[in-house]
Amino acid sequence: MVYDGVGKDTFDESIASLRRRGTMVLYGAASGPVPAFEPTKLAVGSIFFTRPSLGDFVANRLELIWRANEVFAAFRRGDMQVAIGGRYPLASASQAHIDLEGRKTTGKLVIQVR
């Protein structure tokens, strides 16, 4: 499974990285929208593709709060973990961006404000 929030710049690589019957979830377009593509491209490997929209999964603010609380509870129980790939003091935030853009990081980056 691939979750791609980058879009145009990573789309082809993301599709190519999937194993047979893999799923591609395109949820953003940070580098720009993905150009139109031929759906038969997904037939190689029987790839599943989806482009979800939050509005189709969360009906209103109360449901959003409920779902967010469920996610936070899963973190507290240890059901979910976040890989911290690096910590940067606020004064080095620009270096964090350079490292991220240069693909020198994995996991999440933390900018420490204190």
PDB file of N, CA and C in Angstrom:
ATOM      1  N   MET A   1       0.848  -1.163   0.000  1.00  0.00           N
ATOM      2  CA  MET A   1       0.000   0.000   0.000  1.00  0.00           C
ATOM      3  C   MET A   1       0.892   1.223   0.000  1.00  0.00           C
ATOM      4  N   VAL A   2       0.526   2.196  -0.809  1.00  0.00           N
ATOM      5  CA  VAL A   2       1.236   3.468  -0.865  1.00  0.00           C
ATOM      6  C   VAL A   2       0.247   4.576  -0.550  1.00  0.00           C
ATOM      7  N   TYR A   3       0.623   5.443   0.377  1.00  0.00           N
ATOM      8  CA  TYR A   3      -0.119   6.671   0.660  1.00  0.00           C
ATOM      9  C   TYR A   3       0.717   7.805   0.087  1.00  0.00           C
ATOM     10  N   ASP A   4       0.229   8.469  -0.929  1.00  0.00           N
ATOM     11  CA  ASP A   4       0.991   9.503  -1.619  1.00  0.00           C
ATOM     12  C   ASP A   4       0.300  10.845  -1.456  1.00  0.00           C
ATOM     13  N   GLY A   5       0.944  11.750  -0.745  1.00  0.00           N
ATOM     14  CA  GLY A   5       0.428  13.101  -0.577  1.00  0.00           C
ATOM     15  C   GLY A   5       1.173  14.106  -1.437  1.00  0.00           C
ATOM     16  N   VAL A   6       2.154  13.630  -2.202  1.00  0.00           N
ATOM     17  CA  VAL A   6       2.981  14.526  -3.018  1.00  0.00           C
ATOM     18  C   VAL A   6       2.333  14.779  -4.370  1.00  0.00           C
ATOM     19  N   GLY A   7       1.892  13.724  -5.037  1.00  0.00           N
ATOM     20  CA  GLY A   7       1.186  13.899  -6.304  1.00  0.00           C
ATOM     21  C   GLY A   7       2.059  13.761  -7.523  1.00  0.00           C
ATOM     22  N   LYS A   8       2.093  14.800  -8.344  1.00  0.00           N
ATOM     23  CA  LYS A   8       2.715  14.758  -9.672  1.00  0.00           C
ATOM     24  C   LYS A   8       4.138  14.193  -9.659  1.00  0.00           C
ATOM     25  N   ASP A   9       4.995  14.649  -8.759  1.00  0.00           N
ATOM     26  CA  ASP A   9       6.411  14.259  -8.781  1.00  0.00           C
ATOM     27  C   ASP A   9       6.669  12.814  -8.372  1.00  0.00           C
ATOM     28  N   THR A  10       5.750  12.191  -7.653  1.00  0.00           N
ATOM     29  CA  THR A  10       5.996  10.836  -7.145  1.00  0.00           C
ATOM     30  C   THR A  10       5.002   9.800  -7.653  1.00  0.00           C
ATOM     31  N   PHE A  11       4.025  10.221  -8.420  1.00  0.00           N
ATOM     32  CA  PHE A  11       2.937   9.331  -8.810  1.00  0.00           C
ATOM     33  C   PHE A  11       3.427   8.072  -9.519  1.00  0.00           C
ATOM     34  N   ASP A  12       4.226   8.233 -10.570  1.00  0.00           N
ATOM     35  CA  ASP A  12       4.677   7.062 -11.333  1.00  0.00           C
ATOM     36  C   ASP A  12       5.514   6.123 -10.472  1.00  0.00           C
ATOM     37  N   GLU A  13       6.409   6.680  -9.644  1.00  0.00           N
ATOM     38  CA  GLU A  13       7.233   5.848  -8.759  1.00  0.00           C
ATOM     39  C   GLU A  13       6.368   5.127  -7.733  1.00  0.00           C
ATOM     40  N   SER A  14       5.364   5.812  -7.231  1.00  0.00           N
ATOM     41  CA  SER A  14       4.478   5.190  -6.243  1.00  0.00           C
ATOM     42  C   SER A  14       3.745   3.999  -6.845  1.00  0.00           C
ATOM     43  N   ILE A  15       3.203   4.172  -8.040  1.00  0.00           N
ATOM     44  CA  ILE A  15       2.507   3.072  -8.718  1.00  0.00           C
ATOM     45  C   ILE A  15       3.475   1.917  -8.967  1.00  0.00           C
ATOM     46  N   ALA A  16       4.677   2.239  -9.449  1.00  0.00           N
ATOM     47  CA  ALA A  16       5.663   1.204  -9.786  1.00  0.00           C
ATOM     48  C   ALA A  16       6.137   0.430  -8.562  1.00  0.00           C
ATOM     49  N   SER A  17       6.066   1.038  -7.382  1.00  0.00           N
ATOM     50  CA  SER A  17       6.563   0.375  -6.170  1.00  0.00           C
ATOM     51  C   SER A  17       5.593  -0.655  -5.596  1.00  0.00           C
ATOM     52  N   LEU A  18       4.370  -0.663  -6.083  1.00  0.00           N
ATOM     53  CA  LEU A  18       3.357  -1.559  -5.529  1.00  0.00           C
ATOM     54  C   LEU A  18       3.554  -2.998  -5.982  1.00  0.00           C
ATOM     55  N   ARG A  19       3.275  -3.911  -5.069  1.00  0.00           N
ATOM     56  CA  ARG A  19       3.288  -5.318  -5.461  1.00  0.00           C
ATOM     57  C   ARG A  19       1.939  -5.655  -6.100  1.00  0.00           C
ATOM     58  N   ARG A  20       1.833  -6.873  -6.581  1.00  0.00           N
ATOM     59  CA  ARG A  20       0.600  -7.314  -7.228  1.00  0.00           C
ATOM     60  C   ARG A  20      -0.590  -7.121  -6.287  1.00  0.00           C
ATOM     61  N   ARG A  21      -1.663  -6.601  -6.806  1.00  0.00           N
ATOM     62  CA  ARG A  21      -2.895  -6.288  -6.075  1.00  0.00           C
ATOM     63  C   ARG A  21      -2.664  -5.251  -4.975  1.00  0.00           C
ATOM     64  N   GLY A  22      -1.659  -4.417  -5.139  1.00  0.00           N
ATOM     65  CA  GLY A  22      -1.399  -3.348  -4.177  1.00  0.00           C
ATOM     66  C   GLY A  22      -2.418  -2.227  -4.306  1.00  0.00           C
ATOM     67  N   THR A  23      -2.410  -1.342  -3.329  1.00  0.00           N
ATOM     68  CA  THR A  23      -3.352  -0.227  -3.313  1.00  0.00           C
ATOM     69  C   THR A  23      -2.601   1.092  -3.273  1.00  0.00           C
ATOM     70  N   MET A  24      -2.985   1.993  -4.134  1.00  0.00           N
ATOM     71  CA  MET A  24      -2.427   3.338  -4.192  1.00  0.00           C
ATOM     72  C   MET A  24      -3.478   4.302  -3.676  1.00  0.00           C
ATOM     73  N   VAL A  25      -3.145   5.034  -2.607  1.00  0.00           N
ATOM     74  CA  VAL A  25      -4.040   6.034  -2.038  1.00  0.00           C
ATOM     75  C   VAL A  25      -3.410   7.401  -2.298  1.00  0.00           C
ATOM     76  N   LEU A  26      -3.992   8.153  -3.186  1.00  0.00           N
ATOM     77  CA  LEU A  26      -3.516   9.497  -3.489  1.00  0.00           C
ATOM     78  C   LEU A  26      -4.369  10.466  -2.692  1.00  0.00           C
ATOM     79  N   TYR A  27      -3.771  11.131  -1.708  1.00  0.00           N
ATOM     80  CA  TYR A  27      -4.565  12.000  -0.843  1.00  0.00           C
ATOM     81  C   TYR A  27      -4.126  13.455  -0.892  1.00  0.00           C
ATOM     82  N   GLY A  28      -3.187  13.780  -1.732  1.00  0.00           N
ATOM     83  CA  GLY A  28      -2.741  15.163  -1.815  1.00  0.00           C
ATOM     84  C   GLY A  28      -2.004  15.414  -3.109  1.00  0.00           C
ATOM     85  N   ALA A  29      -1.621  16.675  -3.286  1.00  0.00           N
ATOM     86  CA  ALA A  29      -0.926  17.064  -4.513  1.00  0.00           C
ATOM     87  C   ALA A  29       0.059  18.183  -4.204  1.00  0.00           C
ATOM     88  N   ALA A  30       0.964  17.937  -3.253  1.00  0.00           N
ATOM     89  CA  ALA A  30       1.922  18.963  -2.838  1.00  0.00           C
ATOM     90  C   ALA A  30       2.789  19.443  -3.995  1.00  0.00           C
ATOM     91  N   SER A  31       3.107  18.561  -4.948  1.00  0.00           N
ATOM     92  CA  SER A  31       3.950  18.943  -6.084  1.00  0.00           C
ATOM     93  C   SER A  31       3.124  19.321  -7.311  1.00  0.00           C
ATOM     94  N   GLY A  32       1.833  19.278  -7.173  1.00  0.00           N
ATOM     95  CA  GLY A  32       0.946  19.586  -8.289  1.00  0.00           C
ATOM     96  C   GLY A  32       0.036  18.412  -8.586  1.00  0.00           C
ATOM     97  N   PRO A  33      -1.027  18.665  -9.337  1.00  0.00           N
ATOM     98  CA  PRO A  33      -1.968  17.590  -9.648  1.00  0.00           C
ATOM     99  C   PRO A  33      -1.349  16.539 -10.563  1.00  0.00           C
ATOM    100  N   VAL A  34      -1.790  15.323 -10.382  1.00  0.00           N
ATOM    101  CA  VAL A  34      -1.341  14.214 -11.228  1.00  0.00           C
ATOM    102  C   VAL A  34      -1.984  14.387 -12.599  1.00  0.00           C
ATOM    103  N   PRO A  35      -1.180  14.295 -13.665  1.00  0.00           N
ATOM    104  CA  PRO A  35      -1.782  14.389 -15.002  1.00  0.00           C
ATOM    105  C   PRO A  35      -2.736  13.220 -15.251  1.00  0.00           C
ATOM    106  N   ALA A  36      -3.654  13.411 -16.164  1.00  0.00           N
ATOM    107  CA  ALA A  36      -4.570  12.327 -16.530  1.00  0.00           C
ATOM    108  C   ALA A  36      -3.750  11.118 -16.972  1.00  0.00           C
ATOM    109  N   PHE A  37      -4.232   9.931 -16.614  1.00  0.00           N
ATOM    110  CA  PHE A  37      -3.514   8.717 -17.007  1.00  0.00           C
ATOM    111  C   PHE A  37      -4.512   7.668 -17.466  1.00  0.00           C
ATOM    112  N   GLU A  38      -4.011   6.742 -18.234  1.00  0.00           N
ATOM    113  CA  GLU A  38      -4.835   5.674 -18.786  1.00  0.00           C
ATOM    114  C   GLU A  38      -5.108   4.639 -17.698  1.00  0.00           C
ATOM    115  N   PRO A  39      -6.374   4.383 -17.341  1.00  0.00           N
ATOM    116  CA  PRO A  39      -6.684   3.418 -16.286  1.00  0.00           C
ATOM    117  C   PRO A  39      -6.135   2.017 -16.535  1.00  0.00           C
ATOM    118  N   THR A  40      -5.917   1.653 -17.799  1.00  0.00           N
ATOM    119  CA  THR A  40      -5.376   0.314 -18.060  1.00  0.00           C
ATOM    120  C   THR A  40      -3.960   0.164 -17.512  1.00  0.00           C
ATOM    121  N   LYS A  41      -3.309   1.282 -17.183  1.00  0.00           N
ATOM    122  CA  LYS A  41      -1.988   1.247 -16.548  1.00  0.00           C
ATOM    123  C   LYS A  41      -2.062   0.476 -15.219  1.00  0.00           C
ATOM    124  N   LEU A  42      -3.226   0.497 -14.588  1.00  0.00           N
ATOM    125  CA  LEU A  42      -3.414  -0.184 -13.306  1.00  0.00           C
ATOM    126  C   LEU A  42      -3.592  -1.690 -13.473  1.00  0.00           C
ATOM    127  N   ALA A  43      -3.831  -2.136 -14.701  1.00  0.00           N
ATOM    128  CA  ALA A  43      -4.036  -3.570 -14.941  1.00  0.00           C
ATOM    129  C   ALA A  43      -2.760  -4.363 -14.716  1.00  0.00           C
ATOM    130  N   VAL A  44      -1.610  -3.737 -14.949  1.00  0.00           N
ATOM    131  CA  VAL A  44      -0.333  -4.412 -14.693  1.00  0.00           C
ATOM    132  C   VAL A  44      -0.208  -4.557 -13.179  1.00  0.00           C
ATOM    133  N   GLY A  45      -0.383  -5.763 -12.694  1.00  0.00           N
ATOM    134  CA  GLY A  45      -0.344  -6.014 -11.259  1.00  0.00           C
ATOM    135  C   GLY A  45      -1.698  -5.915 -10.582  1.00  0.00           C
ATOM    136  N   SER A  46      -2.739  -5.642 -11.338  1.00  0.00           N
ATOM    137  CA  SER A  46      -4.094  -5.515 -10.768  1.00  0.00           C
ATOM    138  C   SER A  46      -4.118  -4.521  -9.609  1.00  0.00           C
ATOM    139  N   ILE A  47      -3.622  -3.322  -9.871  1.00  0.00           N
ATOM    140  CA  ILE A  47      -3.493  -2.270  -8.862  1.00  0.00           C
ATOM    141  C   ILE A  47      -4.852  -1.637  -8.560  1.00  0.00           C
ATOM    142  N   PHE A  48      -5.093  -1.380  -7.292  1.00  0.00           N
ATOM    143  CA  PHE A  48      -6.269  -0.631  -6.852  1.00  0.00           C
ATOM    144  C   PHE A  48      -5.837   0.817  -6.647  1.00  0.00           C
ATOM    145  N   PHE A  49      -6.682   1.758  -7.042  1.00  0.00           N
ATOM    146  CA  PHE A  49      -6.360   3.181  -6.925  1.00  0.00           C
ATOM    147  C   PHE A  49      -7.546   3.899  -6.316  1.00  0.00           C
ATOM    148  N   THR A  50      -7.272   4.794  -5.369  1.00  0.00           N
ATOM    149  CA  THR A  50      -8.340   5.594  -4.783  1.00  0.00           C
ATOM    150  C   THR A  50      -7.839   7.001  -4.507  1.00  0.00           C
ATOM    151  N   ARG A  51      -8.745   7.958  -4.605  1.00  0.00           N
ATOM    152  CA  ARG A  51      -8.448   9.362  -4.304  1.00  0.00           C
ATOM    153  C   ARG A  51      -9.526   9.842  -3.339  1.00  0.00           C
ATOM    154  N   PRO A  52      -9.334   9.539  -2.030  1.00  0.00           N
ATOM    155  CA  PRO A  52     -10.367   9.877  -1.056  1.00  0.00           C
ATOM    156  C   PRO A  52     -10.434  11.374  -0.766  1.00  0.00           C
ATOM    157  N   SER A  53     -11.587  11.788  -0.295  1.00  0.00           N
ATOM    158  CA  SER A  53     -11.815  13.166   0.131  1.00  0.00           C
ATOM    159  C   SER A  53     -12.394  13.127   1.540  1.00  0.00           C
ATOM    160  N   LEU A  54     -11.846  13.925   2.433  1.00  0.00           N
ATOM    161  CA  LEU A  54     -12.271  13.912   3.834  1.00  0.00           C
ATOM    162  C   LEU A  54     -13.780  14.094   3.973  1.00  0.00           C
ATOM    163  N   GLY A  55     -14.347  14.936   3.130  1.00  0.00           N
ATOM    164  CA  GLY A  55     -15.778  15.202   3.214  1.00  0.00           C
ATOM    165  C   GLY A  55     -16.656  13.983   2.985  1.00  0.00           C
ATOM    166  N   ASP A  56     -16.114  12.965   2.326  1.00  0.00           N
ATOM    167  CA  ASP A  56     -16.877  11.741   2.099  1.00  0.00           C
ATOM    168  C   ASP A  56     -16.788  10.772   3.273  1.00  0.00           C
ATOM    169  N   PHE A  57     -15.913  11.064   4.225  1.00  0.00           N
ATOM    170  CA  PHE A  57     -15.722  10.177   5.367  1.00  0.00           C
ATOM    171  C   PHE A  57     -16.130  10.818   6.691  1.00  0.00           C
ATOM    172  N   VAL A  58     -16.270  12.116   6.704  1.00  0.00           N
ATOM    173  CA  VAL A  58     -16.632  12.843   7.921  1.00  0.00           C
ATOM    174  C   VAL A  58     -17.795  13.772   7.577  1.00  0.00           C
ATOM    175  N   ALA A  59     -18.956  13.494   8.160  1.00  0.00           N
ATOM    176  CA  ALA A  59     -20.165  14.227   7.799  1.00  0.00           C
ATOM    177  C   ALA A  59     -20.242  15.620   8.413  1.00  0.00           C
ATOM    178  N   ASN A  60     -19.676  15.787   9.620  1.00  0.00           N
ATOM    179  CA  ASN A  60     -19.792  17.074  10.311  1.00  0.00           C
ATOM    180  C   ASN A  60     -18.694  17.201  11.367  1.00  0.00           C
ATOM    181  N   ARG A  61     -18.663  18.326  12.039  1.00  0.00           N
ATOM    182  CA  ARG A  61     -17.614  18.586  13.029  1.00  0.00           C
ATOM    183  C   ARG A  61     -17.654  17.587  14.185  1.00  0.00           C
ATOM    184  N   LEU A  62     -18.830  17.209  14.636  1.00  0.00           N
ATOM    185  CA  LEU A  62     -18.924  16.247  15.740  1.00  0.00           C
ATOM    186  C   LEU A  62     -18.298  14.906  15.362  1.00  0.00           C
ATOM    187  N   GLU A  63     -18.548  14.467  14.137  1.00  0.00           N
ATOM    188  CA  GLU A  63     -17.938  13.213  13.701  1.00  0.00           C
ATOM    189  C   GLU A  63     -16.426  13.362  13.578  1.00  0.00           C
ATOM    190  N   LEU A  64     -15.962  14.511  13.109  1.00  0.00           N
ATOM    191  CA  LEU A  64     -14.520  14.761  13.010  1.00  0.00           C
ATOM    192  C   LEU A  64     -13.868  14.678  14.386  1.00  0.00           C
ATOM    193  N   ILE A  65     -14.470  15.296  15.379  1.00  0.00           N
ATOM    194  CA  ILE A  65     -13.936  15.254  16.749  1.00  0.00           C
ATOM    195  C   ILE A  65     -13.947  13.824  17.271  1.00  0.00           C
ATOM    196  N   TRP A  66     -15.033  13.097  17.045  1.00  0.00           N
ATOM    197  CA  TRP A  66     -15.112  11.702  17.490  1.00  0.00           C
ATOM    198  C   TRP A  66     -14.006  10.871  16.859  1.00  0.00           C
ATOM    199  N   ARG A  67     -13.838  11.000  15.544  1.00  0.00           N
ATOM    200  CA  ARG A  67     -12.806  10.220  14.854  1.00  0.00           C
ATOM    201  C   ARG A  67     -11.404  10.611  15.328  1.00  0.00           C
ATOM    202  N   ALA A  68     -11.157  11.886  15.524  1.00  0.00           N
ATOM    203  CA  ALA A  68      -9.850  12.334  16.021  1.00  0.00           C
ATOM    204  C   ALA A  68      -9.585  11.747  17.399  1.00  0.00           C
ATOM    205  N   ASN A  69     -10.582  11.744  18.254  1.00  0.00           N
ATOM    206  CA  ASN A  69     -10.415  11.161  19.592  1.00  0.00           C
ATOM    207  C   ASN A  69     -10.114   9.670  19.516  1.00  0.00           C
ATOM    208  N   GLU A  70     -10.706   8.972  18.547  1.00  0.00           N
ATOM    209  CA  GLU A  70     -10.404   7.550  18.355  1.00  0.00           C
ATOM    210  C   GLU A  70      -8.937   7.348  17.967  1.00  0.00           C
ATOM    211  N   VAL A  71      -8.432   8.210  17.102  1.00  0.00           N
ATOM    212  CA  VAL A  71      -7.022   8.114  16.697  1.00  0.00           C
ATOM    213  C   VAL A  71      -6.114   8.384  17.893  1.00  0.00           C
ATOM    214  N   PHE A  72      -6.396   9.436  18.655  1.00  0.00           N
ATOM    215  CA  PHE A  72      -5.570   9.760  19.827  1.00  0.00           C
ATOM    216  C   PHE A  72      -5.605   8.623  20.845  1.00  0.00           C
ATOM    217  N   ALA A  73      -6.761   8.006  21.024  1.00  0.00           N
ATOM    218  CA  ALA A  73      -6.872   6.873  21.951  1.00  0.00           C
ATOM    219  C   ALA A  73      -6.025   5.699  21.467  1.00  0.00           C
ATOM    220  N   ALA A  74      -5.998   5.459  20.166  1.00  0.00           N
ATOM    221  CA  ALA A  74      -5.172   4.377  19.614  1.00  0.00           C
ATOM    222  C   ALA A  74      -3.692   4.639  19.881  1.00  0.00           C
ATOM    223  N   PHE A  75      -3.264   5.889  19.781  1.00  0.00           N
ATOM    224  CA  PHE A  75      -1.876   6.228  20.119  1.00  0.00           C
ATOM    225  C   PHE A  75      -1.600   5.960  21.592  1.00  0.00           C
ATOM    226  N   ARG A  76      -2.506   6.376  22.452  1.00  0.00           N
ATOM    227  CA  ARG A  76      -2.311   6.173  23.901  1.00  0.00           C
ATOM    228  C   ARG A  76      -2.239   4.692  24.255  1.00  0.00           C
ATOM    229  N   ARG A  77      -3.031   3.853  23.569  1.00  0.00           N
ATOM    230  CA  ARG A  77      -3.012   2.414  23.830  1.00  0.00           C
ATOM    231  C   ARG A  77      -1.768   1.742  23.251  1.00  0.00           C
ATOM    232  N   GLY A  78      -1.067   2.426  22.389  1.00  0.00           N
ATOM    233  CA  GLY A  78       0.093   1.833  21.737  1.00  0.00           C
ATOM    234  C   GLY A  78      -0.251   1.086  20.460  1.00  0.00           C
ATOM    235  N   ASP A  79      -1.495   1.225  19.996  1.00  0.00           N
ATOM    236  CA  ASP A  79      -1.912   0.561  18.760  1.00  0.00           C
ATOM    237  C   ASP A  79      -1.278   1.202  17.527  1.00  0.00           C
ATOM    238  N   MET A  80      -0.881   2.449  17.667  1.00  0.00           N
ATOM    239  CA  MET A  80      -0.250   3.182  16.565  1.00  0.00           C
ATOM    240  C   MET A  80       1.035   3.811  17.080  1.00  0.00           C
ATOM    241  N   GLN A  81       2.051   3.819  16.239  1.00  0.00           N
ATOM    242  CA  GLN A  81       3.301   4.473  16.599  1.00  0.00           C
ATOM    243  C   GLN A  81       3.734   5.374  15.453  1.00  0.00           C
ATOM    244  N   VAL A  82       4.507   6.385  15.806  1.00  0.00           N
ATOM    245  CA  VAL A  82       5.051   7.297  14.815  1.00  0.00           C
ATOM    246  C   VAL A  82       6.563   7.149  14.831  1.00  0.00           C
ATOM    247  N   ALA A  83       7.148   6.954  13.665  1.00  0.00           N
ATOM    248  CA  ALA A  83       8.607   6.884  13.554  1.00  0.00           C
ATOM    249  C   ALA A  83       9.142   8.311  13.481  1.00  0.00           C
ATOM    250  N   ILE A  84       9.897   8.709  14.499  1.00  0.00           N
ATOM    251  CA  ILE A  84      10.512  10.033  14.515  1.00  0.00           C
ATOM    252  C   ILE A  84      11.848   9.921  13.784  1.00  0.00           C
ATOM    253  N   GLY A  85      11.958  10.574  12.654  1.00  0.00           N
ATOM    254  CA  GLY A  85      13.163  10.490  11.834  1.00  0.00           C
ATOM    255  C   GLY A  85      14.210  11.522  12.174  1.00  0.00           C
ATOM    256  N   GLY A  86      13.838  12.538  12.916  1.00  0.00           N
ATOM    257  CA  GLY A  86      14.800  13.569  13.290  1.00  0.00           C
ATOM    258  C   GLY A  86      14.145  14.647  14.115  1.00  0.00           C
ATOM    259  N   ARG A  87      14.978  15.293  14.924  1.00  0.00           N
ATOM    260  CA  ARG A  87      14.517  16.415  15.747  1.00  0.00           C
ATOM    261  C   ARG A  87      15.413  17.610  15.448  1.00  0.00           C
ATOM    262  N   TYR A  88      14.787  18.765  15.261  1.00  0.00           N
ATOM    263  CA  TYR A  88      15.513  19.977  14.925  1.00  0.00           C
ATOM    264  C   TYR A  88      15.059  21.098  15.854  1.00  0.00           C
ATOM    265  N   PRO A  89      16.006  21.882  16.376  1.00  0.00           N
ATOM    266  CA  PRO A  89      15.579  23.065  17.132  1.00  0.00           C
ATOM    267  C   PRO A  89      14.928  24.060  16.166  1.00  0.00           C
ATOM    268  N   LEU A  90      14.074  24.912  16.692  1.00  0.00           N
ATOM    269  CA  LEU A  90      13.362  25.873  15.852  1.00  0.00           C
ATOM    270  C   LEU A  90      14.331  26.689  14.996  1.00  0.00           C
ATOM    271  N   ALA A  91      15.479  27.027  15.558  1.00  0.00           N
ATOM    272  CA  ALA A  91      16.470  27.815  14.814  1.00  0.00           C
ATOM    273  C   ALA A  91      17.000  27.066  13.589  1.00  0.00           C
ATOM    274  N   SER A  92      16.852  25.754  13.555  1.00  0.00           N
ATOM    275  CA  SER A  92      17.329  24.939  12.428  1.00  0.00           C
ATOM    276  C   SER A  92      16.183  24.416  11.566  1.00  0.00           C
ATOM    277  N   ALA A  93      15.028  25.050  11.664  1.00  0.00           N
ATOM    278  CA  ALA A  93      13.870  24.598  10.885  1.00  0.00           C
ATOM    279  C   ALA A  93      14.168  24.608   9.392  1.00  0.00           C
ATOM    280  N   SER A  94      14.953  25.572   8.941  1.00  0.00           N
ATOM    281  CA  SER A  94      15.283  25.619   7.511  1.00  0.00           C
ATOM    282  C   SER A  94      16.078  24.380   7.099  1.00  0.00           C
ATOM    283  N   GLN A  95      16.956  23.885   7.989  1.00  0.00           N
ATOM    284  CA  GLN A  95      17.717  22.675   7.678  1.00  0.00           C
ATOM    285  C   GLN A  95      16.789  21.463   7.602  1.00  0.00           C
ATOM    286  N   ALA A  96      15.786  21.430   8.463  1.00  0.00           N
ATOM    287  CA  ALA A  96      14.808  20.339   8.411  1.00  0.00           C
ATOM    288  C   ALA A  96      14.121  20.319   7.049  1.00  0.00           C
ATOM    289  N   HIS A  97      13.753  21.496   6.546  1.00  0.00           N
ATOM    290  CA  HIS A  97      13.115  21.574   5.227  1.00  0.00           C
ATOM    291  C   HIS A  97      14.075  21.140   4.124  1.00  0.00           C
ATOM    292  N   ILE A  98      15.323  21.555   4.232  1.00  0.00           N
ATOM    293  CA  ILE A  98      16.328  21.158   3.235  1.00  0.00           C
ATOM    294  C   ILE A  98      16.490  19.638   3.230  1.00  0.00           C
ATOM    295  N   ASP A  99      16.603  19.050   4.423  1.00  0.00           N
ATOM    296  CA  ASP A  99      16.760  17.596   4.525  1.00  0.00           C
ATOM    297  C   ASP A  99      15.539  16.866   3.979  1.00  0.00           C
ATOM    298  N   LEU A 100      14.358  17.387   4.292  1.00  0.00           N
ATOM    299  CA  LEU A 100      13.121  16.771   3.817  1.00  0.00           C
ATOM    300  C   LEU A 100      13.027  16.849   2.291  1.00  0.00           C
ATOM    301  N   GLU A 101      13.257  18.024   1.753  1.00  0.00           N
ATOM    302  CA  GLU A 101      13.183  18.200   0.303  1.00  0.00           C
ATOM    303  C   GLU A 101      14.268  17.409  -0.420  1.00  0.00           C
ATOM    304  N   GLY A 102      15.410  17.212   0.243  1.00  0.00           N
ATOM    305  CA  GLY A 102      16.506  16.456  -0.349  1.00  0.00           C
ATOM    306  C   GLY A 102      16.376  14.959  -0.169  1.00  0.00           C
ATOM    307  N   ARG A 103      15.250  14.537   0.399  1.00  0.00           N
ATOM    308  CA  ARG A 103      14.958  13.109   0.626  1.00  0.00           C
ATOM    309  C   ARG A 103      16.022  12.447   1.498  1.00  0.00           C
ATOM    310  N   LYS A 104      16.494  13.190   2.493  1.00  0.00           N
ATOM    311  CA  LYS A 104      17.511  12.670   3.408  1.00  0.00           C
ATOM    312  C   LYS A 104      16.897  12.170   4.713  1.00  0.00           C
ATOM    313  N   THR A 105      15.591  12.126   4.776  1.00  0.00           N
ATOM    314  CA  THR A 105      14.918  11.773   6.022  1.00  0.00           C
ATOM    315  C   THR A 105      13.966  10.604   5.816  1.00  0.00           C
ATOM    316  N   THR A 106      13.634   9.955   6.917  1.00  0.00           N
ATOM    317  CA  THR A 106      12.556   8.970   6.947  1.00  0.00           C
ATOM    318  C   THR A 106      11.739   9.271   8.190  1.00  0.00           C
ATOM    319  N   GLY A 107      10.518   8.851   8.217  1.00  0.00           N
ATOM    320  CA  GLY A 107       9.684   9.120   9.386  1.00  0.00           C
ATOM    321  C   GLY A 107       9.287  10.587   9.448  1.00  0.00           C
ATOM    322  N   LYS A 108       8.825  10.977  10.615  1.00  0.00           N
ATOM    323  CA  LYS A 108       8.377  12.350  10.835  1.00  0.00           C
ATOM    324  C   LYS A 108       9.511  13.183  11.410  1.00  0.00           C
ATOM    325  N   LEU A 109       9.545  14.445  11.048  1.00  0.00           N
ATOM    326  CA  LEU A 109      10.513  15.370  11.613  1.00  0.00           C
ATOM    327  C   LEU A 109       9.815  16.215  12.663  1.00  0.00           C
ATOM    328  N   VAL A 110      10.509  16.441  13.769  1.00  0.00           N
ATOM    329  CA  VAL A 110       9.963  17.237  14.862  1.00  0.00           C
ATOM    330  C   VAL A 110      10.757  18.535  14.942  1.00  0.00           C
ATOM    331  N   ILE A 111      10.052  19.656  14.897  1.00  0.00           N
ATOM    332  CA  ILE A 111      10.671  20.960  15.118  1.00  0.00           C
ATOM    333  C   ILE A 111      10.402  21.311  16.574  1.00  0.00           C
ATOM    334  N   GLN A 112      11.468  21.391  17.363  1.00  0.00           N
ATOM    335  CA  GLN A 112      11.330  21.647  18.798  1.00  0.00           C
ATOM    336  C   GLN A 112      11.288  23.150  19.043  1.00  0.00           C
ATOM    337  N   VAL A 113      10.206  23.609  19.646  1.00  0.00           N
ATOM    338  CA  VAL A 113      10.046  25.042  19.891  1.00  0.00           C
ATOM    339  C   VAL A 113      10.536  25.456  21.271  1.00  0.00           C
ATOM    340  N   ARG A 114      10.851  24.504  22.113  1.00  0.00           N
ATOM    341  CA  ARG A 114      11.377  24.832  23.450  1.00  0.00           C
ATOM    342  C   ARG A 114      12.674  24.141  23.688  1.00  0.00           C
TER     343      ARG A 114
END
